[in-house]
């Protein structure tokens, strides 16, 4: 009982010094949080003590956030290394197929790099069809995972380009993301065959992007480009 009374007084003193529950429990081991709450609930803090408590909470929250960010970053780095190593092991067998090298080169030239996820854009129907075939054959991507988006000038809005690209890709319009209409000063269509630029996105494109980085490194080695 004496020890409990000593612990209670110590807890109250620490609280008055602006210590958080976690800091108090660290000083007084095996102290249930519910017990601590009961001990200090009537402790009235001065403005200075409240300020100190707030600073302690903010500091511990910041430390926890930093640790969380670094933990996620390290996990992502480990996953990236694993996928790149896997891609390098796969490359010799895949590289004997010309279609694999064509698709990889197309992504190298036209693929997105800013978001660390798979993005490929082009206005040529044949190239878009080739990339979709490449994704399905070599990357085990189903058509349900492909989310196309059309970028086109406003003057083409009435031409139902979604229907055109849906037919080209064999992907239902319901899977297409909302079309982006770009402003233009022109009011007359100059290229009669133009149906916009299509961006291919994937519902889970981050892992594939990392593997592509590994394949590209092997491609550079294969053709002695570096």
Protein backbone atom coordinates (compact mmCIF):
# COMPACT_ATOMS: atom_id res chain seq x y z
CA UNK A 1 0.00 0.00 0.00
CA UNK A 2 2.83 2.36 0.94
CA UNK A 3 4.50 1.75 -2.42
CA UNK A 4 1.22 2.50 -4.23
CA UNK A 5 0.82 5.78 -2.35
CA UNK A 6 4.39 6.71 -3.24
CA UNK A 7 3.71 5.87 -6.88
CA UNK A 8 0.53 7.95 -6.85
CA UNK A 9 2.33 10.98 -5.45
CA UNK A 10 5.15 10.54 -7.95
CA UNK A 11 2.63 10.31 -10.80
CA UNK A 12 0.87 13.49 -9.65
CA UNK A 13 4.21 15.32 -9.37
CA UNK A 14 5.23 14.20 -12.86
CA UNK A 15 1.88 15.27 -14.29
CA UNK A 16 2.28 18.71 -12.75
CA UNK A 17 5.66 18.94 -14.47
CA UNK A 18 3.89 18.48 -17.79
CA UNK A 19 4.69 14.81 -18.38
CA UNK A 20 2.47 12.72 -20.66
CA UNK A 21 0.84 9.45 -19.62
CA UNK A 22 3.45 7.50 -21.61
CA UNK A 23 6.31 9.33 -19.92
CA UNK A 24 4.84 8.73 -16.45
CA UNK A 25 4.30 5.01 -17.13
CA UNK A 26 7.89 4.81 -18.33
CA UNK A 27 9.04 6.15 -14.94
CA UNK A 28 6.56 4.03 -12.94
CA UNK A 29 6.57 0.53 -14.51
CA UNK A 30 3.54 -1.81 -14.44
CA UNK A 31 1.16 1.07 -13.90
CA UNK A 32 -2.17 0.55 -15.69
CA UNK A 33 -3.25 3.54 -17.74
CA UNK A 34 -6.71 3.42 -16.15
CA UNK A 35 -5.16 3.69 -12.67
CA UNK A 36 -2.97 6.58 -13.73
CA UNK A 37 -5.96 8.38 -15.24
CA UNK A 38 -7.83 8.08 -11.95
CA UNK A 39 -4.86 9.41 -10.00
CA UNK A 40 -4.26 12.54 -12.08
CA UNK A 41 -7.77 13.40 -13.34
CA UNK A 42 -8.20 16.10 -10.69
CA UNK A 43 -4.74 17.58 -11.14
CA UNK A 44 -5.13 21.24 -12.09
CA UNK A 45 -2.33 22.50 -14.28
CA UNK A 46 -1.14 26.08 -14.53
CA UNK A 47 -0.84 27.67 -17.96
CA UNK A 48 2.89 27.04 -17.86
CA UNK A 49 2.34 23.36 -16.96
CA UNK A 50 -0.30 23.03 -19.70
CA UNK A 51 2.15 24.53 -22.19
CA UNK A 52 4.84 22.09 -21.07
CA UNK A 53 2.43 19.15 -21.41
CA UNK A 54 1.41 20.30 -24.90
CA UNK A 55 5.07 20.58 -25.96
CA UNK A 56 5.79 17.08 -24.64
CA UNK A 57 2.81 15.62 -26.52
CA UNK A 58 3.81 17.45 -29.72
CA UNK A 59 7.40 16.22 -29.39
CA UNK A 60 6.38 12.59 -28.86
CA UNK A 61 3.89 12.77 -31.73
CA UNK A 62 6.58 14.16 -34.01
CA UNK A 63 9.01 11.39 -33.02
CA UNK A 64 6.33 8.74 -33.62
CA UNK A 65 5.53 10.24 -37.04
CA UNK A 66 9.20 10.34 -38.04
CA UNK A 67 9.67 6.72 -36.97
CA UNK A 68 6.57 5.73 -38.97
CA UNK A 69 7.82 7.52 -42.08
CA UNK A 70 11.27 5.93 -41.86
CA UNK A 71 9.74 2.50 -41.24
CA UNK A 72 7.60 2.83 -44.38
CA UNK A 73 10.56 4.15 -46.36
CA UNK A 74 12.81 1.25 -45.32
CA UNK A 75 10.05 -1.24 -46.12
CA UNK A 76 9.61 0.35 -49.56
CA UNK A 77 13.36 0.25 -50.21
CA UNK A 78 13.53 -3.44 -49.28
CA UNK A 79 10.59 -4.18 -51.57
CA UNK A 80 12.22 -2.23 -54.41
CA UNK A 81 15.48 -4.18 -54.05
CA UNK A 82 13.56 -7.47 -54.01
CA UNK A 83 11.58 -6.65 -57.15
CA UNK A 84 14.64 -5.39 -59.04
CA UNK A 85 16.55 -8.58 -58.18
CA UNK A 86 13.57 -10.65 -59.31
CA UNK A 87 13.39 -8.67 -62.57
CA UNK A 88 17.09 -9.26 -63.25
CA UNK A 89 16.66 -13.02 -62.76
CA UNK A 90 13.71 -13.05 -65.17
CA UNK A 91 15.33 -10.94 -67.87
CA UNK A 92 17.45 -13.57 -69.72
CA UNK A 93 14.44 -15.81 -70.39
CA UNK A 94 12.13 -12.91 -71.30
CA UNK A 95 14.61 -11.11 -73.55
CA UNK A 96 14.58 -13.86 -76.20
CA UNK A 97 11.06 -12.74 -77.12
CA UNK A 98 11.12 -9.69 -79.46
CA UNK A 99 7.75 -8.48 -78.15
CA UNK A 100 9.17 -8.24 -74.62
CA UNK A 101 12.03 -6.02 -75.82
CA UNK A 102 9.65 -3.90 -77.92
CA UNK A 103 7.31 -3.26 -74.99
CA UNK A 104 10.17 -2.55 -72.59
CA UNK A 105 11.74 -0.10 -75.05
CA UNK A 106 8.39 1.62 -75.58
CA UNK A 107 8.03 2.14 -71.84
CA UNK A 108 11.60 3.36 -71.61
CA UNK A 109 10.78 6.00 -74.23
CA UNK A 110 7.20 6.96 -73.31
CA UNK A 111 6.54 5.65 -69.80
CA UNK A 112 5.97 7.81 -66.76
CA UNK A 113 8.73 8.36 -64.16
CA UNK A 114 7.40 10.99 -61.78
CA UNK A 115 4.99 8.99 -59.65
CA UNK A 116 6.83 5.66 -59.13
CA UNK A 117 3.88 3.80 -60.61
CA UNK A 118 3.09 2.44 -64.07
CA UNK A 119 1.87 5.10 -66.52
CA UNK A 120 2.13 4.92 -70.29
CA UNK A 121 0.76 7.50 -72.73
CA UNK A 122 0.46 7.55 -76.52
CA UNK A 123 -1.92 8.62 -79.26
CA UNK A 124 -1.07 5.82 -81.70
CA UNK A 125 -3.70 3.02 -81.52
CA UNK A 126 -1.17 0.39 -82.62
CA UNK A 127 1.29 1.35 -79.87
CA UNK A 128 -1.47 1.33 -77.24
CA UNK A 129 -2.61 -2.13 -78.38
CA UNK A 130 1.01 -3.33 -78.29
CA UNK A 131 1.51 -2.08 -74.73
CA UNK A 132 -1.69 -3.74 -73.52
CA UNK A 133 -0.61 -7.02 -75.13
CA UNK A 134 2.81 -6.65 -73.46
CA UNK A 135 1.22 -6.05 -70.06
CA UNK A 136 -0.99 -9.10 -70.36
CA UNK A 137 1.68 -11.46 -71.74
CA UNK A 138 4.73 -10.54 -69.68
CA UNK A 139 3.39 -8.77 -66.59
CA UNK A 140 0.36 -10.97 -65.78
CA UNK A 141 -1.94 -7.94 -65.89
CA UNK A 142 -5.61 -8.65 -66.51
CA UNK A 143 -7.76 -6.22 -68.51
CA UNK A 144 -9.76 -5.49 -65.36
CA UNK A 145 -6.64 -3.92 -63.81
CA UNK A 146 -6.14 -1.50 -66.71
CA UNK A 147 -7.61 1.98 -66.20
CA UNK A 148 -7.25 4.05 -69.40
CA UNK A 149 -7.74 7.81 -69.45
CA UNK A 150 -8.13 9.98 -72.54
CA UNK A 151 -6.55 13.43 -72.84
CA UNK A 152 -7.96 15.46 -75.72
CA UNK A 153 -8.76 19.03 -76.77
CA UNK A 154 -12.22 20.37 -76.03
CA UNK A 155 -13.17 20.69 -79.72
CA UNK A 156 -13.18 16.86 -79.96
CA UNK A 157 -15.60 16.41 -77.04
CA UNK A 158 -18.59 15.55 -79.27
CA UNK A 159 -16.81 12.72 -81.13
CA UNK A 160 -17.23 10.00 -78.47
CA UNK A 161 -13.53 9.14 -78.42
CA UNK A 162 -14.19 6.84 -75.44
CA UNK A 163 -16.07 4.48 -77.76
CA UNK A 164 -13.18 4.54 -80.26
CA UNK A 165 -10.54 3.70 -77.64
CA UNK A 166 -12.75 1.14 -75.97
CA UNK A 167 -12.92 -0.72 -79.28
CA UNK A 168 -9.16 -0.41 -79.84
CA UNK A 169 -8.26 -1.69 -76.38
CA UNK A 170 -11.16 -4.13 -75.91
CA UNK A 171 -11.69 -2.51 -72.51
CA UNK A 172 -15.24 -1.45 -71.54
CA UNK A 173 -15.92 2.28 -71.26
CA UNK A 174 -16.95 1.74 -67.63
CA UNK A 175 -13.26 1.07 -66.79
CA UNK A 176 -12.09 4.33 -68.34
CA UNK A 177 -11.27 7.16 -65.97
CA UNK A 178 -12.90 10.53 -66.59
CA UNK A 179 -11.71 12.08 -69.85
CA UNK A 180 -9.57 15.21 -69.49
CA UNK A 181 -10.46 17.93 -71.99
CA UNK A 182 -7.64 20.39 -72.64
CA UNK A 183 -8.38 24.01 -73.58
CA UNK A 184 -7.35 25.16 -77.05
CA UNK A 185 -7.70 28.45 -79.00
CA UNK A 186 -8.64 26.51 -82.14
CA UNK A 187 -12.26 26.03 -83.11
CA UNK A 188 -11.69 23.90 -86.20
CA UNK A 189 -10.41 20.32 -86.13
CA UNK A 190 -7.14 20.12 -88.07
CA UNK A 191 -6.35 16.41 -87.75
CA UNK A 192 -9.46 14.50 -88.78
CA UNK A 193 -8.15 11.14 -87.54
CA UNK A 194 -6.97 12.34 -84.12
CA UNK A 195 -8.76 10.65 -81.21
CA UNK A 196 -6.73 11.97 -78.33
CA UNK A 197 -3.87 10.63 -76.23
CA UNK A 198 -4.51 7.62 -74.01
CA UNK A 199 -2.78 7.13 -70.69
CA UNK A 200 -2.70 3.56 -69.41
CA UNK A 201 -2.76 3.27 -65.64
CA UNK A 202 -2.97 0.17 -63.48
CA UNK A 203 -4.93 -0.35 -60.28
CA UNK A 204 -1.72 -1.76 -58.74
CA UNK A 205 1.11 -0.25 -60.74
CA UNK A 206 3.82 0.46 -58.15
CA UNK A 207 5.29 -3.06 -58.04
CA UNK A 208 5.36 -3.38 -61.82
CA UNK A 209 7.09 -0.01 -62.15
CA UNK A 210 9.89 -1.25 -59.88
CA UNK A 211 10.29 -4.45 -61.90
CA UNK A 212 10.46 -2.42 -65.10
CA UNK A 213 13.35 -0.44 -63.59
CA UNK A 214 15.16 -3.76 -63.07
CA UNK A 215 14.44 -4.92 -66.62
CA UNK A 216 15.66 -1.61 -68.03
CA UNK A 217 18.95 -1.94 -66.14
CA UNK A 218 19.46 -5.35 -67.77
CA UNK A 219 18.49 -3.95 -71.18
CA UNK A 220 21.19 -1.31 -70.85
CA UNK A 221 23.73 -4.03 -70.02
CA UNK A 222 22.54 -6.24 -72.88
CA UNK A 223 23.14 -3.59 -75.53
CA UNK A 224 26.19 -2.16 -73.76
CA UNK A 225 24.63 1.29 -73.61
CA UNK A 226 26.57 2.27 -70.53
